Protein backbone atom coordinates (compact mmCIF):
# COMPACT_ATOMS: atom_id res chain seq x y z
CA MET A 1 125.96 173.95 121.69
CA ARG A 2 122.22 173.29 121.59
CA GLN A 3 121.78 175.64 118.62
CA LEU A 4 124.56 173.83 116.78
CA PHE A 5 122.85 170.50 117.40
CA ILE A 6 119.49 171.86 116.15
CA CYS A 7 121.18 173.26 113.02
CA PHE A 8 122.81 169.87 112.44
CA LEU A 9 119.42 168.13 112.71
CA VAL A 10 117.80 170.59 110.28
CA VAL A 11 120.59 170.11 107.73
CA CYS A 12 120.31 166.31 108.03
CA PHE A 13 116.52 166.43 107.64
CA VAL A 14 116.66 168.68 104.56
CA SER A 15 119.39 166.55 103.02
CA PHE A 16 117.44 163.34 103.70
CA SER A 17 114.24 164.84 102.23
CA ALA A 18 116.04 165.98 99.09
CA ASN A 19 117.62 162.55 98.61
CA ALA A 20 114.28 160.80 99.12
CA GLN A 21 112.65 163.01 96.48
CA GLU A 22 115.47 162.42 93.99
CA LYS A 23 115.19 158.66 94.30
CA LYS A 24 112.62 157.54 91.76
CA GLU A 25 111.12 154.06 91.75
CA ASN A 26 111.59 151.89 88.66
CA LEU A 27 108.38 149.86 88.26
CA VAL A 28 110.32 147.15 86.39
CA GLN A 29 112.33 146.46 89.52
CA SER A 30 109.74 147.15 92.21
CA ASN A 31 106.36 145.87 91.00
CA LYS A 32 104.92 142.57 89.82
CA TRP A 33 103.90 142.49 86.13
CA PHE A 34 100.92 140.73 84.55
CA ILE A 35 100.42 139.35 81.02
CA ALA A 36 97.36 138.44 78.94
CA GLY A 37 97.33 137.22 75.36
CA PRO A 38 99.46 135.08 73.06
CA SER A 39 102.90 135.49 74.62
CA LYS A 40 105.60 132.80 74.71
CA GLU A 41 106.52 133.87 78.25
CA SER A 42 104.29 133.12 81.22
CA GLU A 43 103.64 135.65 83.97
CA GLU A 44 105.92 133.62 86.26
CA THR A 45 108.76 133.66 83.69
CA ILE A 46 108.38 137.39 83.06
CA ASN A 47 108.65 138.16 86.77
CA ASP A 48 111.53 135.71 87.38
CA VAL A 49 113.59 137.33 84.60
CA ARG A 50 112.57 140.80 85.84
CA LEU A 51 113.91 140.04 89.32
CA LYS A 52 117.12 138.36 88.12
CA LYS A 53 118.07 140.56 85.15
CA GLY A 54 116.09 143.78 85.68
CA ILE A 55 114.27 143.58 82.34
CA ILE A 56 110.80 142.64 81.08
CA THR A 57 110.74 140.62 77.84
CA ILE A 58 107.70 139.32 75.99
CA THR A 59 107.58 137.56 72.62
CA ALA A 60 104.45 136.96 70.53
CA LYS A 61 103.65 133.30 69.91
CA ASP A 62 103.61 131.87 66.40
CA ASN A 63 100.35 132.72 64.65
CA PRO A 64 99.12 134.92 67.51
CA LYS A 65 95.40 135.47 67.78
CA GLY A 66 94.31 138.53 69.75
CA GLU A 67 96.16 141.32 71.46
CA ILE A 68 98.95 141.03 73.99
CA GLU A 69 98.58 143.18 77.09
CA LEU A 70 101.35 143.66 79.65
CA ASN A 71 100.26 145.41 82.87
CA VAL A 72 101.92 146.93 85.91
CA MET A 73 100.13 148.58 88.83
CA ILE A 74 101.39 152.01 89.90
CA THR A 75 101.03 151.06 93.57
CA SER A 76 102.54 147.61 94.02
CA SER A 77 99.99 144.79 94.22
CA GLU A 78 100.06 141.01 94.02
CA THR A 79 96.95 141.15 91.82
CA ASN A 80 96.13 142.96 88.60
CA ASP A 81 93.67 145.13 90.52
CA GLY A 82 94.21 147.32 93.52
CA ILE A 83 93.93 150.87 94.70
CA PRO A 84 94.44 153.92 92.48
CA THR A 85 97.44 156.12 93.09
CA ASN A 86 97.08 159.83 93.68
CA LEU A 87 100.18 161.34 92.06
CA SER A 88 101.37 164.72 93.25
CA ASN A 89 100.71 167.83 91.18
CA GLU A 90 104.50 168.01 90.95
CA SER A 91 104.56 164.83 88.83
CA LYS A 92 104.95 165.83 85.18
CA PHE A 93 105.79 162.70 83.15
CA VAL A 94 106.64 159.03 82.93
CA GLU A 95 110.03 157.98 81.54
CA ILE A 96 110.27 154.62 79.78
CA THR A 97 113.29 152.76 78.41
CA TYR A 98 112.17 150.08 75.96
CA GLN A 99 112.87 148.22 72.73
CA SER A 100 110.06 146.97 70.48
CA THR A 101 109.72 145.47 67.02
CA GLN A 102 106.18 146.90 66.72
CA ILE A 103 104.25 150.01 67.76
CA ILE A 104 102.92 149.59 71.30
CA LYS A 105 99.95 151.45 72.74
CA LEU A 106 100.62 152.64 76.28
CA GLN A 107 97.40 153.06 78.24
CA ALA A 108 97.45 154.95 81.53
CA ARG A 109 94.50 153.26 83.18
CA GLU A 110 92.40 155.27 85.64
CA GLY A 111 90.20 154.03 88.47
CA ASN A 112 86.54 153.46 87.67
CA SER A 113 83.74 155.95 88.18
CA GLU A 114 81.94 153.61 90.62
CA GLY A 115 84.67 154.36 93.14
CA THR A 116 85.70 150.72 93.55
CA GLY A 117 89.27 151.46 92.53
CA CYS A 118 91.09 149.59 89.80
CA VAL A 119 88.52 146.85 89.25
CA HIS A 120 87.76 146.75 85.52
CA GLY A 121 86.35 150.01 84.22
CA GLY A 122 87.67 153.52 84.26
CA SER A 123 89.14 155.32 81.29
CA HIS A 124 92.26 154.39 79.35
CA PRO A 125 93.96 157.55 78.02
CA ARG A 126 96.84 156.42 75.83
CA ILE A 127 99.76 157.27 73.60
CA SER A 128 101.75 155.29 71.03
CA LEU A 129 105.28 154.07 71.67
CA PRO A 130 107.02 153.98 68.28
CA ALA A 131 108.81 150.81 67.24
CA SER A 132 112.49 150.75 68.11
CA PRO A 133 113.59 147.33 66.85
CA ASN A 134 117.37 147.75 66.87
CA GLN A 135 118.12 149.53 70.14
CA PHE A 136 116.70 150.61 73.46
CA LYS A 137 115.03 153.99 73.42
CA THR A 138 114.28 156.25 76.39
CA ILE A 139 111.34 158.62 76.13
CA LYS A 140 109.73 161.05 78.54
CA ILE A 141 105.97 161.27 78.10
CA PRO A 142 104.23 164.25 79.72
CA TRP A 143 100.97 163.36 81.45
CA SER A 144 99.24 165.91 79.19
CA ASN A 145 100.00 163.66 76.17
CA PHE A 146 97.73 160.89 77.49
CA LYS A 147 94.28 161.43 75.96
CA GLN A 148 91.30 159.12 75.59
CA ASP A 149 91.60 157.14 72.33
CA GLU A 150 94.62 159.34 71.45
CA LEU A 151 92.20 161.97 70.14
CA ALA A 152 93.35 165.60 70.08
CA ASP A 153 90.24 166.55 72.06
CA GLY A 154 90.12 163.30 74.07
CA LYS A 155 89.66 163.33 77.84
CA LEU A 156 92.95 164.02 79.62
CA LEU A 157 94.45 161.59 82.12
CA ASN A 158 93.61 162.22 85.77
CA ILE A 159 96.93 161.58 87.56
CA HIS A 160 95.11 161.64 90.91
CA ASN A 161 93.27 158.38 90.07
CA LEU A 162 95.97 156.36 88.26
CA CYS A 163 95.80 152.56 88.52
CA LYS A 164 98.28 151.02 86.11
CA PHE A 165 100.04 151.06 82.78
CA ASN A 166 98.91 148.69 80.04
CA PHE A 167 101.45 148.06 77.27
CA VAL A 168 99.27 146.74 74.44
CA ASN A 169 100.19 145.21 71.08
CA TYR A 170 96.81 145.15 69.31
CA ASN A 171 98.07 143.26 66.25
CA PRO A 172 101.05 141.11 67.26
CA VAL A 173 103.12 139.49 64.55
CA SER A 174 104.73 136.08 65.20
CA GLY A 175 108.01 136.59 67.05
CA SER A 176 107.49 140.31 67.75
CA VAL A 177 109.35 141.37 70.89
CA LEU A 178 108.88 144.02 73.57
CA LYS A 179 111.61 144.63 76.14
CA ILE A 180 111.30 147.15 78.96
CA LYS A 181 114.24 148.20 81.16
CA SER A 182 112.57 150.96 83.15
CA VAL A 183 109.29 152.73 83.87
CA ILE A 184 109.90 155.71 86.12
CA ILE A 185 107.29 158.23 87.24
CA ASP A 186 108.56 161.76 87.79
């Protein structure tokens, strides 16, 4: 009887562990987002809509001046700074479902070399998210694709010191839109 009980506990533990690993966190649903630049939506509006409808939406103001930067910390934080996340070696990519009327640069921001975490500094390996103006698009981006300045020989992203994602529109056009349904780290 005791052996049966121990077997039952082992099966439950293995099953629970497998389910916990399969469940992936969607940063759109779980983490606060931050905005800088000429957006029609305020940070408060972005996060209210995110919580109610499960989507991030930003629209460039008329005659925008400067870039628009949308940020989300990897480890949830109430501020746009915090502690870096040390992803497992098993983590291979980030999966994003989005719609955009313009090309967006996705920076995977690392912690700074001074060791003070995610306070400004660190490197910003990045990739380009192609425009997808008419429909939502889901892409899986391997960590190995993130390189400093998108250069073929640029410094690779260190997933053991990852602070946040910056979705950047460097040259917003009036009325350009970015919508994000999910950001999931595998």
